[in-house]
Protein backbone atom coordinates (compact mmCIF):
# COMPACT_ATOMS: atom_id res chain seq x y z
CA MET A 1 74.11 -5.26 -65.28
CA VAL A 2 71.28 -5.64 -67.78
CA TRP A 3 67.57 -5.04 -67.08
CA SER A 4 66.86 -8.78 -67.07
CA ASP A 5 69.22 -9.26 -64.15
CA ILE A 6 67.72 -6.31 -62.28
CA TRP A 7 64.21 -7.74 -62.76
CA LEU A 8 65.37 -11.14 -61.49
CA LEU A 9 66.66 -9.43 -58.33
CA LEU A 10 63.51 -7.31 -57.77
CA ALA A 11 60.89 -9.94 -58.62
CA PRO A 12 61.32 -12.24 -55.57
CA PRO A 13 60.80 -9.50 -52.92
CA LEU A 14 57.83 -8.04 -54.78
CA VAL A 15 56.18 -11.39 -55.41
CA GLY A 16 56.92 -12.58 -51.85
CA GLY A 17 55.46 -9.39 -50.37
CA VAL A 18 52.28 -9.63 -52.42
CA ILE A 19 51.85 -13.33 -51.61
CA GLY A 20 52.54 -12.82 -47.87
CA TYR A 21 50.18 -9.84 -47.63
CA PHE A 22 47.23 -11.35 -49.48
CA THR A 23 47.58 -14.85 -47.99
CA ASN A 24 47.41 -13.45 -44.46
CA ASP A 25 44.49 -11.26 -45.41
CA LEU A 26 42.76 -14.29 -46.97
CA ALA A 27 43.45 -16.40 -43.89
CA ILE A 28 41.92 -13.76 -41.59
CA LYS A 29 38.89 -13.41 -43.81
CA MET A 30 38.46 -17.18 -43.91
CA LEU A 31 37.97 -17.12 -40.14
CA PHE A 32 34.52 -15.65 -40.84
CA ARG A 33 33.84 -16.16 -44.55
CA PRO A 34 32.00 -17.54 -46.28
CA TYR A 35 29.07 -16.99 -43.97
CA ARG A 36 27.15 -20.03 -45.23
CA PRO A 37 28.12 -23.44 -46.66
CA TYR A 38 28.44 -24.02 -50.40
CA TYR A 39 27.64 -27.32 -52.13
CA LEU A 40 28.87 -29.00 -55.28
CA PHE A 41 26.93 -32.02 -56.44
CA LYS A 42 25.19 -32.06 -53.02
CA ARG A 43 28.53 -32.26 -51.30
CA ARG A 44 29.59 -29.41 -49.03
CA LEU A 45 32.77 -27.77 -50.12
CA PRO A 46 35.56 -27.74 -47.54
CA LEU A 47 36.20 -24.59 -45.53
CA THR A 48 32.59 -23.45 -46.09
CA PRO A 49 31.37 -21.77 -44.03
CA GLY A 50 34.32 -20.09 -42.35
CA LEU A 51 36.09 -21.38 -39.27
CA ILE A 52 34.13 -19.36 -36.69
CA PRO A 53 30.63 -19.76 -38.31
CA SER A 54 31.11 -23.51 -38.63
CA ASN A 55 32.16 -23.78 -34.96
CA GLN A 56 29.90 -21.02 -33.57
CA ALA A 57 28.05 -23.34 -31.13
CA ARG A 58 31.30 -24.69 -29.71
CA LEU A 59 32.69 -21.16 -29.56
CA ALA A 60 29.62 -20.02 -27.64
CA ARG A 61 30.06 -22.85 -25.12
CA ARG A 62 33.77 -22.02 -24.68
CA VAL A 63 33.00 -18.33 -24.21
CA ALA A 64 30.30 -19.12 -21.63
CA ASP A 65 32.62 -21.55 -19.77
CA THR A 66 35.41 -18.99 -19.77
CA ILE A 67 33.22 -16.18 -18.48
CA MET A 68 31.48 -18.28 -15.82
CA GLY A 69 34.71 -20.05 -14.80
CA SER A 70 37.02 -17.05 -14.62
CA LEU A 71 35.00 -13.83 -14.60
CA LEU A 72 31.53 -14.39 -13.14
CA THR A 73 32.39 -16.83 -10.38
CA PRO A 74 30.10 -17.04 -7.32
CA THR A 75 32.65 -15.05 -5.33
CA GLU A 76 32.82 -12.32 -7.96
CA LEU A 77 29.02 -12.22 -8.21
CA GLU A 78 28.82 -11.94 -4.43
CA ASN A 79 31.32 -9.07 -4.44
CA LEU A 80 29.43 -7.43 -7.28
CA ALA A 81 26.17 -7.77 -5.35
CA ARG A 82 27.79 -6.23 -2.27
CA ARG A 83 28.98 -3.25 -4.31
CA LEU A 84 25.62 -2.83 -5.99
CA LEU A 85 23.63 -3.28 -2.78
CA GLN A 86 25.45 -0.77 -0.65
CA THR A 87 23.23 1.05 1.81
CA GLU A 88 23.31 4.33 -0.10
CA ARG A 89 22.45 2.72 -3.44
CA THR A 90 19.75 0.54 -1.89
CA GLN A 91 18.23 3.53 -0.13
CA GLN A 92 18.15 5.50 -3.38
CA ALA A 93 16.57 2.56 -5.20
CA ILE A 94 13.88 2.10 -2.53
CA ARG A 95 13.15 5.83 -2.52
CA TRP A 96 12.84 5.72 -6.31
CA LEU A 97 10.38 2.83 -6.06
CA LEU A 98 8.33 4.70 -3.45
CA GLU A 99 8.27 7.84 -5.57
CA LEU A 100 7.33 5.76 -8.60
CA THR A 101 4.44 4.26 -6.62
CA LEU A 102 3.22 7.70 -5.61
CA ASP A 103 3.53 8.92 -9.20
CA GLN A 104 1.53 5.91 -10.34
CA ILE A 105 -1.17 6.77 -7.82
CA GLN A 106 -1.18 10.37 -9.05
CA SER A 107 -1.28 9.42 -12.74
CA ARG A 108 -4.25 8.88 -15.00
CA ASN A 109 -4.76 5.41 -13.52
CA GLN A 110 -5.99 6.95 -10.28
CA ALA A 111 -9.57 5.88 -11.03
CA ARG A 112 -8.47 2.26 -11.32
CA THR A 113 -6.32 2.58 -8.21
CA ALA A 114 -9.22 4.16 -6.31
CA GLU A 115 -11.47 1.27 -7.35
CA ILE A 116 -8.98 -1.29 -6.06
CA VAL A 117 -8.36 0.59 -2.81
CA GLY A 118 -12.12 1.00 -2.37
CA LYS A 119 -12.67 -2.74 -2.68
CA VAL A 120 -9.89 -3.40 -0.19
CA LEU A 121 -11.38 -0.94 2.31
CA GLN A 122 -14.84 -2.42 1.85
CA ASP A 123 -13.53 -5.94 2.44
CA VAL A 124 -11.58 -4.87 5.53
CA PHE A 125 -14.39 -2.79 7.04
CA GLY A 126 -17.33 -4.95 6.00
CA ALA A 127 -15.93 -8.48 6.34
CA SER A 128 -12.58 -8.71 8.13
CA LEU A 129 -13.22 -6.17 10.88
CA PRO A 130 -16.60 -7.68 11.99
CA ARG A 131 -14.99 -11.11 12.32
CA LEU A 132 -12.10 -9.66 14.31
CA LEU A 133 -14.58 -7.73 16.44
CA LYS A 134 -16.36 -10.95 17.40
CA VAL A 135 -13.06 -12.45 18.52
CA TRP A 136 -11.89 -9.35 20.38
CA ALA A 137 -15.23 -8.91 22.18
CA ARG A 138 -14.76 -12.27 23.94
CA ARG A 139 -11.88 -10.89 25.98
CA GLU A 140 -12.67 -9.67 29.47
CA ASP A 141 -10.60 -6.49 29.07
CA PHE A 142 -12.05 -5.63 25.65
CA LEU A 143 -12.20 -1.80 25.33
CA GLU A 144 -11.94 -1.48 29.10
CA ALA A 145 -9.15 1.09 29.10
CA GLN A 146 -10.68 3.04 26.19
CA ILE A 147 -14.18 3.23 27.66
CA ASN A 148 -12.84 4.16 31.09
CA GLN A 149 -10.77 6.92 29.54
CA ILE A 150 -13.77 8.27 27.62
CA PHE A 151 -15.90 8.12 30.76
CA ASP A 152 -13.30 9.87 32.95
CA GLN A 153 -12.29 12.54 30.44
CA VAL A 154 -15.60 13.21 28.69
CA LEU A 155 -18.69 12.00 30.52
CA LEU A 156 -17.49 12.66 34.06
CA GLU A 157 -16.49 16.24 33.33
CA PHE A 158 -19.32 16.97 30.92
CA GLN A 159 -21.61 19.84 31.89
CA LEU A 160 -24.05 21.79 29.77
CA SER A 161 -23.30 25.41 29.02
CA PRO A 162 -26.05 28.03 29.54
CA ASP A 163 -26.80 28.13 25.80
CA GLN A 164 -26.93 24.34 25.59
CA ALA A 165 -29.18 24.10 28.65
CA GLN A 166 -31.49 26.79 27.23
CA GLN A 167 -31.74 25.03 23.86
CA LEU A 168 -32.32 21.65 25.47
CA SER A 169 -34.99 22.93 27.86
CA SER A 170 -36.80 24.71 25.02
CA TRP A 171 -36.67 21.55 22.95
CA LEU A 172 -38.06 19.47 25.82
CA LEU A 173 -40.99 21.85 26.42
CA ILE A 174 -41.78 22.33 22.73
CA SER A 175 -41.13 18.94 21.20
CA VAL A 176 -41.08 16.40 24.02
CA LEU A 177 -43.65 17.80 26.47
CA PRO A 178 -46.04 20.13 24.58
CA PRO A 179 -49.38 21.06 26.25
CA ASP A 180 -51.34 18.48 24.23
CA ARG A 181 -48.99 15.68 25.25
CA LEU A 182 -49.20 16.81 28.88
CA ARG A 183 -52.99 16.72 28.65
CA ARG A 184 -53.01 13.20 27.20
CA THR A 185 -50.52 12.06 29.82
CA LEU A 186 -52.74 13.50 32.54
CA VAL A 187 -55.80 11.74 31.10
CA ASP A 188 -53.93 8.43 30.88
CA PHE A 189 -52.82 8.81 34.46
CA LEU A 190 -56.28 9.67 35.87
CA THR A 191 -57.86 6.26 35.49
CA ASP A 192 -60.64 5.15 37.83
CA ARG A 193 -58.28 2.93 39.77
CA ASN A 194 -55.63 5.64 40.18
CA ILE A 195 -58.29 8.12 41.30
CA GLN A 196 -59.60 5.63 43.88
CA VAL A 197 -56.09 4.93 45.21
CA ILE A 198 -55.30 8.62 45.49
CA ASP A 199 -58.60 9.29 47.27
CA GLU A 200 -58.03 6.44 49.77
CA ILE A 201 -54.48 7.51 50.53
CA PHE A 202 -55.59 11.11 50.92
CA ARG A 203 -58.33 10.09 53.39
CA SER A 204 -56.11 7.79 55.46
CA LYS A 205 -52.84 9.70 55.54
CA THR A 206 -54.06 13.23 56.29
CA SER A 207 -54.88 14.81 59.61
CA GLY A 208 -56.28 18.02 60.98
CA THR A 209 -57.99 20.35 58.56
CA TYR A 210 -56.86 18.27 55.57
CA TRP A 211 -58.54 15.19 57.13
CA VAL A 212 -61.81 17.06 57.41
CA VAL A 213 -61.59 18.19 53.77
CA ALA A 214 -60.55 14.73 52.60
CA ASN A 215 -63.35 12.92 54.42
CA LEU A 216 -66.12 15.47 53.85
CA PHE A 217 -65.38 16.37 50.25
CA GLY A 218 -62.73 13.88 49.05
CA VAL A 219 -60.57 14.24 45.92
CA ARG A 220 -62.30 11.64 43.74
CA ASN A 221 -64.90 14.06 42.50
CA ALA A 222 -62.32 16.77 41.74
CA LEU A 223 -60.01 14.39 39.87
CA THR A 224 -62.92 12.92 37.93
CA ARG A 225 -64.11 16.34 36.89
CA LEU A 226 -60.54 17.27 35.92
CA ARG A 227 -60.28 14.20 33.67
CA THR A 228 -63.65 14.97 32.10
CA PHE A 229 -62.62 18.57 31.47
CA CYS A 230 -59.39 17.44 29.79
CA LEU A 231 -61.36 15.08 27.54
CA ASP A 232 -64.17 17.46 26.63
CA GLU A 233 -62.30 20.76 26.44
CA ARG A 234 -59.09 19.85 24.68
CA GLU A 235 -58.19 23.26 23.29
CA THR A 236 -59.04 25.02 26.53
CA THR A 237 -57.02 22.49 28.52
CA ASN A 238 -54.02 22.88 26.24
CA LEU A 239 -54.24 26.63 26.58
CA ARG A 240 -54.46 26.45 30.37
CA LEU A 241 -51.51 24.05 30.54
CA ALA A 242 -49.44 26.39 28.37
CA GLU A 243 -50.35 29.29 30.68
CA LEU A 244 -49.43 27.16 33.69
CA VAL A 245 -46.02 26.32 32.18
CA GLU A 246 -45.43 29.99 31.50
CA ALA A 247 -46.62 31.06 34.96
CA LEU A 248 -44.48 28.50 36.76
CA ASN A 249 -41.49 29.53 34.61
CA LEU A 250 -40.71 25.87 33.90
CA ASN A 251 -38.30 26.79 31.09
CA ALA A 252 -35.96 28.66 33.44
CA ARG A 253 -36.32 26.05 36.19
CA LEU A 254 -35.58 23.23 33.73
CA GLN A 255 -32.65 25.17 32.30
CA GLU A 256 -31.18 25.66 35.76
CA MET A 257 -31.62 21.99 36.57
CA LEU A 258 -29.90 20.91 33.34
CA GLN A 259 -26.95 23.21 34.02
CA GLN A 260 -26.50 21.66 37.43
CA LEU A 261 -26.71 18.15 36.01
CA THR A 262 -23.23 16.56 36.17
CA LEU A 263 -21.80 13.22 37.21
CA GLN A 264 -19.36 14.91 39.54
CA ARG A 265 -22.21 15.57 42.00
CA LEU A 266 -22.81 11.84 42.39
CA PRO A 267 -21.08 9.77 45.07
CA VAL A 268 -17.82 8.07 44.12
CA SER A 269 -19.31 4.59 44.50
CA THR A 270 -22.20 5.52 42.24
CA VAL A 271 -19.82 6.89 39.61
CA ARG A 272 -17.78 3.67 39.67
CA GLU A 273 -20.86 1.54 39.31
CA LEU A 274 -22.08 3.74 36.48
CA ARG A 275 -18.74 3.43 34.68
CA THR A 276 -18.84 -0.35 35.05
CA THR A 277 -22.42 -0.46 33.83
CA ILE A 278 -21.64 1.68 30.78
CA ARG A 279 -18.61 -0.47 29.94
CA GLU A 280 -20.58 -3.69 30.17
CA ALA A 281 -23.43 -2.19 28.13
CA VAL A 282 -21.06 -1.07 25.35
CA ARG A 283 -19.28 -4.42 25.37
CA GLY A 284 -22.55 -6.35 25.24
CA TYR A 285 -23.84 -4.21 22.40
CA ILE A 286 -20.65 -4.72 20.39
CA GLN A 287 -20.71 -8.47 21.04
CA THR A 288 -24.28 -8.86 19.83
CA LEU A 289 -24.90 -6.10 17.32
CA GLY A 290 -21.45 -4.68 16.56
CA PRO A 291 -20.63 -6.89 13.51
CA GLU A 292 -24.07 -6.36 11.97
CA LEU A 293 -23.73 -2.61 12.57
CA LEU A 294 -20.38 -2.50 10.79
CA GLN A 295 -21.68 -4.56 7.88
CA GLY A 296 -24.74 -2.35 7.51
CA LEU A 297 -22.61 0.78 7.74
CA SER A 298 -20.22 -0.64 5.14
CA ALA A 299 -23.09 -1.13 2.70
CA THR A 300 -24.05 2.56 2.94
CA ILE A 301 -20.58 4.01 2.29
CA ASN A 302 -19.34 4.90 -1.19
CA TRP A 303 -15.95 3.27 -0.80
CA GLN A 304 -14.64 4.28 -4.22
CA MET A 305 -15.32 7.96 -3.52
CA LEU A 306 -13.74 7.58 -0.08
CA ALA A 307 -10.68 5.88 -1.60
CA ASN A 308 -10.42 8.65 -4.21
CA GLN A 309 -10.49 11.30 -1.49
CA LEU A 310 -7.94 9.32 0.52
CA LEU A 311 -5.59 9.09 -2.48
CA ASN A 312 -5.95 12.81 -3.13
CA ARG A 313 -5.11 13.44 0.49
CA LEU A 314 -2.07 11.17 0.27
CA ARG A 315 -0.98 12.89 -2.92
CA ASN A 316 -1.01 16.33 -1.29
CA SER A 317 0.21 15.20 2.11
CA SER A 318 3.56 16.63 3.16
CA VAL A 319 3.90 13.86 5.74
CA ILE A 320 4.11 11.23 2.99
CA ASN A 321 6.79 13.13 1.11
CA ASP A 322 8.76 13.82 4.28
CA SER A 323 8.60 10.18 5.34
CA LEU A 324 10.13 8.80 2.12
CA ASP A 325 13.70 9.27 3.35
CA PRO A 326 13.22 7.64 6.79
CA VAL A 327 11.22 4.76 5.33
CA SER A 328 13.73 4.08 2.55
CA GLU A 329 16.61 4.29 5.04
CA GLU A 330 14.97 1.80 7.42
CA LEU A 331 14.17 -0.61 4.59
CA ALA A 332 17.74 -0.32 3.29
CA LEU A 333 19.15 -1.14 6.73
CA ILE A 334 16.82 -4.12 7.06
CA LEU A 335 17.91 -5.35 3.62
CA GLU A 336 21.57 -4.83 4.50
CA ARG A 337 21.24 -6.89 7.70
CA TYR A 338 19.50 -9.63 5.75
CA LEU A 339 22.18 -9.64 3.02
CA GLU A 340 25.02 -9.78 5.53
CA LYS A 341 23.65 -13.08 6.78
CA ASP A 342 22.26 -14.74 3.67
CA LEU A 343 23.97 -13.11 0.66
CA GLU A 344 26.17 -16.14 -0.10
CA SER A 345 23.26 -18.58 -0.13
CA LEU A 346 21.13 -16.05 -2.00
CA VAL A 347 23.73 -15.71 -4.78
CA ALA A 348 24.02 -19.51 -4.96
CA GLN A 349 20.26 -19.69 -5.51
CA VAL A 350 20.18 -16.80 -7.99
CA ILE A 351 22.89 -18.15 -10.32
CA PRO A 352 20.89 -21.23 -11.46
CA ILE A 353 17.78 -19.08 -11.80
CA LEU A 354 19.51 -16.48 -13.98
CA ASP A 355 21.19 -19.25 -16.06
CA ILE A 356 23.83 -16.77 -17.25
CA ASP A 357 25.90 -19.34 -19.17
CA GLN A 358 22.91 -20.40 -21.22
CA VAL A 359 22.11 -16.76 -21.94
CA ILE A 360 25.67 -16.24 -23.22
CA ILE A 361 25.48 -19.38 -25.37
CA GLU A 362 22.15 -18.38 -26.89
CA ARG A 363 23.30 -14.82 -27.52
CA VAL A 364 26.57 -15.86 -29.19
CA SER A 365 24.86 -18.63 -31.19
CA ALA A 366 22.14 -16.27 -32.37
CA THR A 367 24.62 -13.64 -33.55
CA ASN A 368 24.90 -13.35 -37.33
CA PRO A 369 28.39 -14.32 -38.60
CA GLU A 370 28.63 -11.00 -40.43
CA GLU A 371 27.78 -9.11 -37.24
CA LEU A 372 30.26 -11.28 -35.33
CA GLU A 373 32.98 -10.42 -37.88
CA THR A 374 32.13 -6.73 -37.66
CA ALA A 375 32.26 -6.87 -33.85
CA VAL A 376 35.64 -8.68 -33.80
CA GLN A 377 37.16 -6.39 -36.41
CA GLY A 378 35.84 -3.38 -34.51
CA ILE A 379 37.77 -4.57 -31.46
CA VAL A 380 41.05 -5.82 -33.04
CA ARG A 381 41.03 -4.12 -36.44
CA ASN A 382 44.52 -2.63 -35.95
CA GLU A 383 45.93 -5.93 -34.71
CA LEU A 384 44.48 -7.85 -37.68
CA GLN A 385 45.84 -5.26 -40.11
CA ALA A 386 49.23 -5.54 -38.44
CA ILE A 387 49.17 -9.30 -39.07
CA VAL A 388 48.41 -8.69 -42.76
CA ASN A 389 51.20 -6.12 -42.97
CA LEU A 390 53.55 -8.49 -41.18
CA GLY A 391 52.79 -11.17 -43.77
CA GLY A 392 53.68 -8.76 -46.56
CA ALA A 393 56.90 -7.73 -44.78
CA LEU A 394 57.93 -11.34 -44.25
CA GLY A 395 57.25 -12.05 -47.94
CA VAL A 396 59.46 -9.12 -48.95
CA LEU A 397 62.19 -10.27 -46.55
CA ILE A 398 62.17 -13.85 -47.82
CA GLY A 399 62.06 -12.66 -51.45
CA GLY A 400 65.00 -10.34 -50.72
CA LEU A 401 66.99 -13.22 -49.26
CA GLN A 402 66.27 -15.21 -52.43
CA ALA A 403 67.41 -12.28 -54.56
CA VAL A 404 70.66 -11.98 -52.55
CA PHE A 405 71.25 -15.71 -52.91
CA TYR A 406 70.65 -15.48 -56.63
CA TYR A 407 72.98 -12.49 -56.94
CA LEU A 408 75.77 -14.30 -55.06
CA ARG A 409 75.45 -17.27 -57.41
């Protein structure tokens, strides 16, 4: 056999393999390339761009329909939501949100947070609470239980200690009833009319030796001279009154009287009437002046500083940190009970809002053909290469069959 015959036998398998390999490779590449259309004499050349780029919008719609029709059905989304919204996961998510809120309060934005909280407190205390107070005060039982409890537990059992009685009696004698004020009170009391009334009563109501003294000497002259002495000799009168207070030991007597002062010594009926009177007085005061008092008090408080202190207290409070788990657990249980009843309808409402199919269409349509080719080849690179290799193998096989046929001829 000469070399020309050998070449005629080898050429068909080699040529068939090369043609099969490169035609398959070209066909696969033409799925994506060229990436843009080409024109000749303002006419677009056929097969430009590639098959997938030229039908990318339709491909996006088919992908979205396939995913929404087979994968992300309402039932599957509902099952997915049930798995995602299990009690443990929901509790962890709620706890994370609560911790995030606390961290936000503790961050550098605390000044802004304190300003907002301060305005809220000012509105509640200065506007909302006075209006509510006006409404509450119209009720017949408004603060009845609270005032009765304060009266029974505080006022009824209240009694001054020896030190308190001593301080109060000293304050009364020094600040409330000093000698000069006693002198002026005595002068104001000893008017001509009062002196005449005292003298007439003393003359008519006495008997025996006192009647003789009252009718022979009378008390008008003595009281008049006493008033004149108090007016003319102020310093001397004040000094004598101070000596009289000291001699009569009024401080000790007043201290003893204050120590013995308690509501428990009063009759039961008197105590009940006093409690009712106090309750009605407090209720009447709140009805008339309570809202204005709260508004005036609100205007004098630095609410931002108070809110800042409150936030600092919340930040360092162990109660807040310890209550995160119970609060998140309760909220998770409430959410679970709600989802058990309304999850199906909730998913049906969420699907149109999310518009998942449109998101898929826009994402696929916006993908660059080169990136789409890279993504597809990254997924099925081995399978595509196997197709190319299969084309080469088929070309070799067909070329070999031709060579065998030629040899048999």
